PDB file of N, CA and C in Angstrom:
ATOM      1  N   MET A   1     -69.129  42.477  70.094  1.00  0.00           N
ATOM      2  CA  MET A   1     -68.148  43.078  70.851  1.00  0.00           C
ATOM      3  C   MET A   1     -67.118  42.745  70.296  1.00  0.00           C
ATOM      4  N   SER A   2     -65.917  43.175  69.958  1.00  0.00           N
ATOM      5  CA  SER A   2     -64.815  42.926  69.288  1.00  0.00           C
ATOM      6  C   SER A   2     -63.890  42.404  70.400  1.00  0.00           C
ATOM      7  N   LYS A   3     -63.050  41.858  70.278  1.00  0.00           N
ATOM      8  CA  LYS A   3     -62.243  41.422  71.022  1.00  0.00           C
ATOM      9  C   LYS A   3     -60.872  42.159  71.287  1.00  0.00           C
ATOM     10  N   LEU A   4     -60.260  42.273  72.483  1.00  0.00           N
ATOM     11  CA  LEU A   4     -59.230  43.389  72.620  1.00  0.00           C
ATOM     12  C   LEU A   4     -58.067  42.775  72.369  1.00  0.00           C
ATOM     13  N   THR A   5     -57.033  43.843  72.095  1.00  0.00           N
ATOM     14  CA  THR A   5     -55.703  43.166  71.806  1.00  0.00           C
ATOM     15  C   THR A   5     -54.986  43.153  73.048  1.00  0.00           C
ATOM     16  N   ALA A   6     -53.780  42.318  73.092  1.00  0.00           N
ATOM     17  CA  ALA A   6     -53.146  42.209  74.303  1.00  0.00           C
ATOM     18  C   ALA A   6     -52.839  43.783  75.135  1.00  0.00           C
ATOM     19  N   GLN A   7     -52.333  44.434  73.962  1.00  0.00           N
ATOM     20  CA  GLN A   7     -51.904  45.813  74.446  1.00  0.00           C
ATOM     21  C   GLN A   7     -53.162  46.682  75.270  1.00  0.00           C
ATOM     22  N   GLU A   8     -54.394  46.549  74.405  1.00  0.00           N
ATOM     23  CA  GLU A   8     -55.571  46.956  74.744  1.00  0.00           C
ATOM     24  C   GLU A   8     -55.876  46.723  76.261  1.00  0.00           C
ATOM     25  N   ARG A   9     -55.711  45.246  76.336  1.00  0.00           N
ATOM     26  CA  ARG A   9     -56.340  44.588  77.444  1.00  0.00           C
ATOM     27  C   ARG A   9     -54.974  45.089  78.698  1.00  0.00           C
ATOM     28  N   LYS A  10     -53.859  45.156  78.619  1.00  0.00           N
ATOM     29  CA  LYS A  10     -53.032  45.705  79.278  1.00  0.00           C
ATOM     30  C   LYS A  10     -53.305  47.269  79.772  1.00  0.00           C
ATOM     31  N   ALA A  11     -53.583  47.926  78.748  1.00  0.00           N
ATOM     32  CA  ALA A  11     -53.979  49.237  79.211  1.00  0.00           C
ATOM     33  C   ALA A  11     -55.309  49.368  79.887  1.00  0.00           C
ATOM     34  N   ARG A  12     -56.192  48.518  79.776  1.00  0.00           N
ATOM     35  CA  ARG A  12     -57.536  48.529  80.392  1.00  0.00           C
ATOM     36  C   ARG A  12     -57.430  47.987  81.774  1.00  0.00           C
ATOM     37  N   ASP A  13     -56.228  46.820  82.029  1.00  0.00           N
ATOM     38  CA  ASP A  13     -56.190  46.675  83.218  1.00  0.00           C
ATOM     39  C   ASP A  13     -55.098  47.757  84.212  1.00  0.00           C
ATOM     40  N   ASP A  14     -54.293  48.276  83.514  1.00  0.00           N
ATOM     41  CA  ASP A  14     -53.610  49.006  84.405  1.00  0.00           C
ATOM     42  C   ASP A  14     -54.332  50.426  84.846  1.00  0.00           C
ATOM     43  N   GLU A  15     -55.471  50.727  84.011  1.00  0.00           N
ATOM     44  CA  GLU A  15     -56.346  51.927  84.375  1.00  0.00           C
ATOM     45  C   GLU A  15     -56.902  51.514  85.604  1.00  0.00           C
ATOM     46  N   ARG A  16     -57.481  50.244  85.374  1.00  0.00           N
ATOM     47  CA  ARG A  16     -58.390  49.485  86.585  1.00  0.00           C
ATOM     48  C   ARG A  16     -57.524  49.468  88.162  1.00  0.00           C
ATOM     49  N   PHE A  17     -56.515  48.990  87.719  1.00  0.00           N
ATOM     50  CA  PHE A  17     -55.711  49.075  88.953  1.00  0.00           C
ATOM     51  C   PHE A  17     -55.110  50.248  89.508  1.00  0.00           C
ATOM     52  N   SER A  18     -54.893  51.260  88.748  1.00  0.00           N
ATOM     53  CA  SER A  18     -54.591  52.791  88.946  1.00  0.00           C
ATOM     54  C   SER A  18     -55.872  53.257  89.634  1.00  0.00           C
ATOM     55  N   GLN A  19     -56.924  53.142  89.316  1.00  0.00           N
ATOM     56  CA  GLN A  19     -58.202  53.427  89.916  1.00  0.00           C
ATOM     57  C   GLN A  19     -58.644  53.075  91.449  1.00  0.00           C
ATOM     58  N   ARG A  20     -58.145  51.611  91.365  1.00  0.00           N
ATOM     59  CA  ARG A  20     -58.441  51.054  92.491  1.00  0.00           C
ATOM     60  C   ARG A  20     -57.489  51.740  93.570  1.00  0.00           C
ATOM     61  N   VAL A  21     -55.960  51.861  93.363  1.00  0.00           N
ATOM     62  CA  VAL A  21     -55.215  52.332  94.178  1.00  0.00           C
ATOM     63  C   VAL A  21     -55.317  53.901  94.546  1.00  0.00           C
ATOM     64  N   SER A  22     -55.720  54.633  93.792  1.00  0.00           N
ATOM     65  CA  SER A  22     -56.390  55.896  94.041  1.00  0.00           C
ATOM     66  C   SER A  22     -57.743  55.882  94.994  1.00  0.00           C
ATOM     67  N   GLU A  23     -58.334  55.153  94.772  1.00  0.00           N
ATOM     68  CA  GLU A  23     -59.915  54.798  95.432  1.00  0.00           C
ATOM     69  C   GLU A  23     -59.320  54.597  97.079  1.00  0.00           C
ATOM     70  N   ARG A  24     -58.349  53.316  97.059  1.00  0.00           N
ATOM     71  CA  ARG A  24     -58.152  53.196  98.651  1.00  0.00           C
ATOM     72  C   ARG A  24     -57.207  54.658  99.226  1.00  0.00           C
ATOM     73  N   ARG A  25     -56.522  54.813  98.224  1.00  0.00           N
ATOM     74  CA  ARG A  25     -55.735  55.762  99.123  1.00  0.00           C
ATOM     75  C   ARG A  25     -56.607  56.971  99.431  1.00  0.00           C
ATOM     76  N   GLU A  26     -57.699  57.698  98.552  1.00  0.00           N
ATOM     77  CA  GLU A  26     -58.801  58.487  99.365  1.00  0.00           C
ATOM     78  C   GLU A  26     -59.228  58.009 100.405  1.00  0.00           C
ATOM     79  N   LYS A  27     -59.562  56.800 100.355  1.00  0.00           N
ATOM     80  CA  LYS A  27     -60.570  56.032 101.413  1.00  0.00           C
ATOM     81  C   LYS A  27     -59.856  56.003 102.954  1.00  0.00           C
ATOM     82  N   GLY A  28     -58.316  56.302 102.732  1.00  0.00           N
ATOM     83  CA  GLY A  28     -57.392  56.200 103.671  1.00  0.00           C
ATOM     84  C   GLY A  28     -57.107  54.593 104.231  1.00  0.00           C
ATOM     85  N   GLU A  29     -57.415  53.880 103.284  1.00  0.00           N
ATOM     86  CA  GLU A  29     -57.207  52.248 103.549  1.00  0.00           C
ATOM     87  C   GLU A  29     -55.768  52.166 103.121  1.00  0.00           C
ATOM     88  N   ASP A  30     -55.216  50.905 103.402  1.00  0.00           N
ATOM     89  CA  ASP A  30     -53.869  50.524 103.276  1.00  0.00           C
ATOM     90  C   ASP A  30     -53.457  50.262 102.142  1.00  0.00           C
ATOM     91  N   VAL A  31     -52.917  51.034 101.174  1.00  0.00           N
ATOM     92  CA  VAL A  31     -52.252  50.713  99.876  1.00  0.00           C
ATOM     93  C   VAL A  31     -51.344  49.792  99.865  1.00  0.00           C
ATOM     94  N   VAL A  32     -50.564  49.719 100.717  1.00  0.00           N
ATOM     95  CA  VAL A  32     -49.475  48.668 100.771  1.00  0.00           C
ATOM     96  C   VAL A  32     -49.630  47.187 100.737  1.00  0.00           C
ATOM     97  N   ALA A  33     -50.853  47.021 101.615  1.00  0.00           N
ATOM     98  CA  ALA A  33     -51.391  45.756 102.065  1.00  0.00           C
ATOM     99  C   ALA A  33     -52.126  45.241 100.622  1.00  0.00           C
ATOM    100  N   TYR A  34     -52.761  46.207  99.885  1.00  0.00           N
ATOM    101  CA  TYR A  34     -53.542  45.745  98.572  1.00  0.00           C
ATOM    102  C   TYR A  34     -52.073  45.525  97.608  1.00  0.00           C
ATOM    103  N   ALA A  35     -51.114  46.419  97.755  1.00  0.00           N
ATOM    104  CA  ALA A  35     -50.193  45.964  96.913  1.00  0.00           C
ATOM    105  C   ALA A  35     -49.714  44.523  97.121  1.00  0.00           C
ATOM    106  N   LEU A  36     -49.227  44.103  98.377  1.00  0.00           N
ATOM    107  CA  LEU A  36     -48.910  43.122  98.637  1.00  0.00           C
ATOM    108  C   LEU A  36     -49.630  41.833  98.333  1.00  0.00           C
ATOM    109  N   THR A  37     -51.058  42.004  98.261  1.00  0.00           N
ATOM    110  CA  THR A  37     -51.778  41.006  97.862  1.00  0.00           C
ATOM    111  C   THR A  37     -51.805  41.095  96.251  1.00  0.00           C
ATOM    112  N   THR A  38     -51.886  42.174  95.800  1.00  0.00           N
ATOM    113  CA  THR A  38     -52.242  42.344  94.042  1.00  0.00           C
ATOM    114  C   THR A  38     -51.182  42.916  93.436  1.00  0.00           C
ATOM    115  N   LYS A  39     -50.136  42.193  93.338  1.00  0.00           N
ATOM    116  CA  LYS A  39     -48.721  42.382  92.390  1.00  0.00           C
ATOM    117  C   LYS A  39     -48.991  43.790  91.455  1.00  0.00           C
ATOM    118  N   LYS A  40     -50.056  43.513  90.727  1.00  0.00           N
ATOM    119  CA  LYS A  40     -50.189  44.523  89.492  1.00  0.00           C
ATOM    120  C   LYS A  40     -50.298  45.839  89.955  1.00  0.00           C
ATOM    121  N   ALA A  41     -50.776  46.024  91.519  1.00  0.00           N
ATOM    122  CA  ALA A  41     -51.026  47.340  91.969  1.00  0.00           C
ATOM    123  C   ALA A  41     -49.607  48.204  92.056  1.00  0.00           C
ATOM    124  N   VAL A  42     -48.577  47.167  92.412  1.00  0.00           N
ATOM    125  CA  VAL A  42     -47.436  47.791  92.949  1.00  0.00           C
ATOM    126  C   VAL A  42     -46.705  48.920  92.403  1.00  0.00           C
ATOM    127  N   LYS A  43     -46.825  49.056  90.863  1.00  0.00           N
ATOM    128  CA  LYS A  43     -46.633  50.016  90.084  1.00  0.00           C
ATOM    129  C   LYS A  43     -47.284  51.244  89.917  1.00  0.00           C
ATOM    130  N   PHE A  44     -48.362  51.513  90.912  1.00  0.00           N
ATOM    131  CA  PHE A  44     -48.997  52.613  91.112  1.00  0.00           C
ATOM    132  C   PHE A  44     -49.040  53.408  92.701  1.00  0.00           C
ATOM    133  N   LEU A  45     -47.832  52.719  93.313  1.00  0.00           N
ATOM    134  CA  LEU A  45     -47.637  53.241  94.821  1.00  0.00           C
ATOM    135  C   LEU A  45     -46.800  54.499  94.560  1.00  0.00           C
ATOM    136  N   THR A  46     -46.759  55.194  95.429  1.00  0.00           N
ATOM    137  CA  THR A  46     -45.392  56.331  95.566  1.00  0.00           C
ATOM    138  C   THR A  46     -44.449  55.763  95.929  1.00  0.00           C
ATOM    139  N   LYS A  47     -43.138  56.398  96.008  1.00  0.00           N
ATOM    140  CA  LYS A  47     -42.036  56.202  96.507  1.00  0.00           C
ATOM    141  C   LYS A  47     -41.781  55.746  97.913  1.00  0.00           C
ATOM    142  N   SER A  48     -42.710  56.405  98.729  1.00  0.00           N
ATOM    143  CA  SER A  48     -42.877  55.973 100.319  1.00  0.00           C
ATOM    144  C   SER A  48     -43.543  55.013 100.463  1.00  0.00           C
ATOM    145  N   GLU A  49     -44.373  54.776  99.622  1.00  0.00           N
ATOM    146  CA  GLU A  49     -45.167  53.291  99.604  1.00  0.00           C
ATOM    147  C   GLU A  49     -44.569  52.216  99.178  1.00  0.00           C
ATOM    148  N   ARG A  50     -43.589  52.673  98.151  1.00  0.00           N
ATOM    149  CA  ARG A  50     -43.088  51.517  97.757  1.00  0.00           C
ATOM    150  C   ARG A  50     -41.689  50.873  99.056  1.00  0.00           C
ATOM    151  N   ARG A  51     -41.160  52.066  99.457  1.00  0.00           N
ATOM    152  CA  ARG A  51     -39.892  51.648 100.658  1.00  0.00           C
ATOM    153  C   ARG A  51     -40.711  50.961 101.668  1.00  0.00           C
ATOM    154  N   ASN A  52     -42.192  51.340 102.117  1.00  0.00           N
ATOM    155  CA  ASN A  52     -43.015  50.581 103.016  1.00  0.00           C
ATOM    156  C   ASN A  52     -43.173  49.309 102.381  1.00  0.00           C
ATOM    157  N   LEU A  53     -43.398  49.146 101.355  1.00  0.00           N
ATOM    158  CA  LEU A  53     -43.850  47.988 100.671  1.00  0.00           C
ATOM    159  C   LEU A  53     -42.419  46.811 100.924  1.00  0.00           C
ATOM    160  N   ASN A  54     -41.493  47.242 100.376  1.00  0.00           N
ATOM    161  CA  ASN A  54     -40.215  46.561 100.674  1.00  0.00           C
ATOM    162  C   ASN A  54     -39.730  46.274 102.144  1.00  0.00           C
ATOM    163  N   GLU A  55     -39.957  47.194 103.047  1.00  0.00           N
ATOM    164  CA  GLU A  55     -39.754  46.825 104.430  1.00  0.00           C
ATOM    165  C   GLU A  55     -40.802  45.681 104.941  1.00  0.00           C
ATOM    166  N   ARG A  56     -42.129  45.818 104.331  1.00  0.00           N
ATOM    167  CA  ARG A  56     -43.167  44.832 104.668  1.00  0.00           C
ATOM    168  C   ARG A  56     -42.470  43.300 104.304  1.00  0.00           C
ATOM    169  N   LYS A  57     -42.146  43.640 103.138  1.00  0.00           N
ATOM    170  CA  LYS A  57     -41.551  42.112 102.282  1.00  0.00           C
ATOM    171  C   LYS A  57     -40.674  41.634 102.967  1.00  0.00           C
ATOM    172  N   ALA A  58     -39.280  42.340 103.781  1.00  0.00           N
ATOM    173  CA  ALA A  58     -38.655  42.175 104.118  1.00  0.00           C
ATOM    174  C   ALA A  58     -38.964  41.348 105.809  1.00  0.00           C
ATOM    175  N   ALA A  59     -39.858  42.134 106.489  1.00  0.00           N
ATOM    176  CA  ALA A  59     -40.053  41.468 107.408  1.00  0.00           C
ATOM    177  C   ALA A  59     -41.393  40.146 107.308  1.00  0.00           C
ATOM    178  N   LEU A  60     -41.756  40.258 106.019  1.00  0.00           N
ATOM    179  CA  LEU A  60     -42.427  39.029 106.185  1.00  0.00           C
ATOM    180  C   LEU A  60     -41.557  37.646 105.881  1.00  0.00           C
ATOM    181  N   ALA A  61     -40.512  38.043 105.183  1.00  0.00           N
ATOM    182  CA  ALA A  61     -39.614  36.853 104.813  1.00  0.00           C
ATOM    183  C   ALA A  61     -38.765  36.730 106.231  1.00  0.00           C
ATOM    184  N   GLU A  62     -38.687  37.609 106.888  1.00  0.00           N
ATOM    185  CA  GLU A  62     -37.940  37.262 108.109  1.00  0.00           C
ATOM    186  C   GLU A  62     -38.777  36.337 108.881  1.00  0.00           C
ATOM    187  N   GLU A  63     -40.272  36.905 109.162  1.00  0.00           N
ATOM    188  CA  GLU A  63     -40.910  35.855 109.988  1.00  0.00           C
ATOM    189  C   GLU A  63     -41.037  34.695 109.223  1.00  0.00           C
ATOM    190  N   LYS A  64     -41.369  34.370 107.927  1.00  0.00           N
ATOM    191  CA  LYS A  64     -41.239  32.999 107.461  1.00  0.00           C
ATOM    192  C   LYS A  64     -40.223  32.118 108.056  1.00  0.00           C
ATOM    193  N   LYS A  65     -38.967  32.881 107.309  1.00  0.00           N
ATOM    194  CA  LYS A  65     -37.629  32.175 107.977  1.00  0.00           C
ATOM    195  C   LYS A  65     -37.984  31.765 109.257  1.00  0.00           C
ATOM    196  N   LEU A  66     -38.192  32.577 110.196  1.00  0.00           N
ATOM    197  CA  LEU A  66     -38.042  32.111 111.697  1.00  0.00           C
ATOM    198  C   LEU A  66     -39.010  31.128 111.790  1.00  0.00           C
ATOM    199  N   LYS A  67     -40.122  31.005 111.118  1.00  0.00           N
ATOM    200  CA  LYS A  67     -41.153  30.019 111.655  1.00  0.00           C
ATOM    201  C   LYS A  67     -40.391  28.717 110.999  1.00  0.00           C
ATOM    202  N   GLU A  68     -40.060  28.697 109.979  1.00  0.00           N
ATOM    203  CA  GLU A  68     -39.167  27.561 109.355  1.00  0.00           C
ATOM    204  C   GLU A  68     -38.169  27.146 110.119  1.00  0.00           C
ATOM    205  N   GLN A  69     -37.449  27.871 110.601  1.00  0.00           N
ATOM    206  CA  GLN A  69     -36.447  27.554 111.809  1.00  0.00           C
ATOM    207  C   GLN A  69     -36.952  26.424 113.046  1.00  0.00           C
ATOM    208  N   GLN A  70     -37.803  27.075 113.427  1.00  0.00           N
ATOM    209  CA  GLN A  70     -39.106  26.857 114.637  1.00  0.00           C
ATOM    210  C   GLN A  70     -39.380  25.547 114.032  1.00  0.00           C
ATOM    211  N   GLU A  71     -40.202  25.240 113.126  1.00  0.00           N
ATOM    212  CA  GLU A  71     -40.459  23.954 112.522  1.00  0.00           C
ATOM    213  C   GLU A  71     -39.500  23.031 112.524  1.00  0.00           C
ATOM    214  N   LEU A  72     -38.515  23.104 111.747  1.00  0.00           N
ATOM    215  CA  LEU A  72     -37.391  22.373 111.942  1.00  0.00           C
ATOM    216  C   LEU A  72     -36.484  21.977 113.251  1.00  0.00           C
ATOM    217  N   VAL A  73     -36.279  22.852 114.250  1.00  0.00           N
ATOM    218  CA  VAL A  73     -36.207  22.620 115.560  1.00  0.00           C
ATOM    219  C   VAL A  73     -37.150  21.395 116.087  1.00  0.00           C
ATOM    220  N   ARG A  74     -38.492  21.714 116.031  1.00  0.00           N
ATOM    221  CA  ARG A  74     -39.348  21.114 116.608  1.00  0.00           C
ATOM    222  C   ARG A  74     -39.599  19.758 115.944  1.00  0.00           C
ATOM    223  N   ILE A  75     -39.245  19.554 114.764  1.00  0.00           N
ATOM    224  CA  ILE A  75     -39.145  18.573 113.918  1.00  0.00           C
ATOM    225  C   ILE A  75     -37.930  17.349 114.566  1.00  0.00           C
ATOM    226  N   GLU A  76     -36.823  18.169 114.618  1.00  0.00           N
ATOM    227  CA  GLU A  76     -35.476  17.523 115.116  1.00  0.00           C
ATOM    228  C   GLU A  76     -35.709  16.970 116.515  1.00  0.00           C
ATOM    229  N   ALA A  77     -36.353  17.675 117.296  1.00  0.00           N
ATOM    230  CA  ALA A  77     -36.897  17.547 118.839  1.00  0.00           C
ATOM    231  C   ALA A  77     -37.566  15.926 118.725  1.00  0.00           C
ATOM    232  N   ALA A  78     -38.557  16.100 118.202  1.00  0.00           N
ATOM    233  CA  ALA A  78     -39.679  14.940 117.921  1.00  0.00           C
ATOM    234  C   ALA A  78     -38.669  13.733 117.440  1.00  0.00           C
ATOM    235  N   PHE A  79     -37.959  13.752 116.541  1.00  0.00           N
ATOM    236  CA  PHE A  79     -37.142  12.840 115.855  1.00  0.00           C
ATOM    237  C   PHE A  79     -36.261  12.136 116.941  1.00  0.00           C
ATOM    238  N   THR A  80     -35.505  13.084 117.758  1.00  0.00           N
ATOM    239  CA  THR A  80     -34.551  12.659 118.692  1.00  0.00           C
ATOM    240  C   THR A  80     -35.075  12.001 119.789  1.00  0.00           C
ATOM    241  N   GLU A  81     -36.384  12.418 120.110  1.00  0.00           N
ATOM    242  CA  GLU A  81     -37.050  11.733 121.043  1.00  0.00           C
ATOM    243  C   GLU A  81     -37.322  10.247 120.839  1.00  0.00           C
ATOM    244  N   GLN A  82     -37.972   9.987 119.676  1.00  0.00           N
ATOM    245  CA  GLN A  82     -38.141   8.616 118.914  1.00  0.00           C
ATOM    246  C   GLN A  82     -37.293   7.898 119.373  1.00  0.00           C
ATOM    247  N   GLU A  83     -35.559   8.273 118.859  1.00  0.00           N
ATOM    248  CA  GLU A  83     -34.687   7.461 118.802  1.00  0.00           C
ATOM    249  C   GLU A  83     -34.347   7.121 120.044  1.00  0.00           C
ATOM    250  N   SER A  84     -34.346   8.058 121.051  1.00  0.00           N
ATOM    251  CA  SER A  84     -34.003   7.578 122.563  1.00  0.00           C
ATOM    252  C   SER A  84     -35.273   6.911 123.311  1.00  0.00           C
ATOM    253  N   GLU A  85     -35.922   6.084 122.507  1.00  0.00           N
ATOM    254  CA  GLU A  85     -36.985   5.487 123.155  1.00  0.00           C
ATOM    255  C   GLU A  85     -36.910   4.036 122.933  1.00  0.00           C
TER     256      GLU A  85
END
C-alpha cells in the first residue's frame, strides 16, 4: 500500500469528518457538541449550527471566567484567614 501525500490525507480526513457530521445530523444528534469536541468538524456545519457553536463557545468562556473569579475569591478568603490568625 502506497503512502498518501499530505493533500490526499487531508482530502480523506475531510471526507470522513463530513460523513460523520452528516450521520450525526441524520440521527438527530447534537452536531454542535461534536464540533466543540472535534475542531475539524466545524467546517461542515451549517450557518445556523455555526452561530449556535459560537454562542456555546461564548457561554463556555463566560462560565470558565466566572469559575476562575470564584476560585480567586476563595483563595483570597483563605489567605486573609491565615493572616488574621
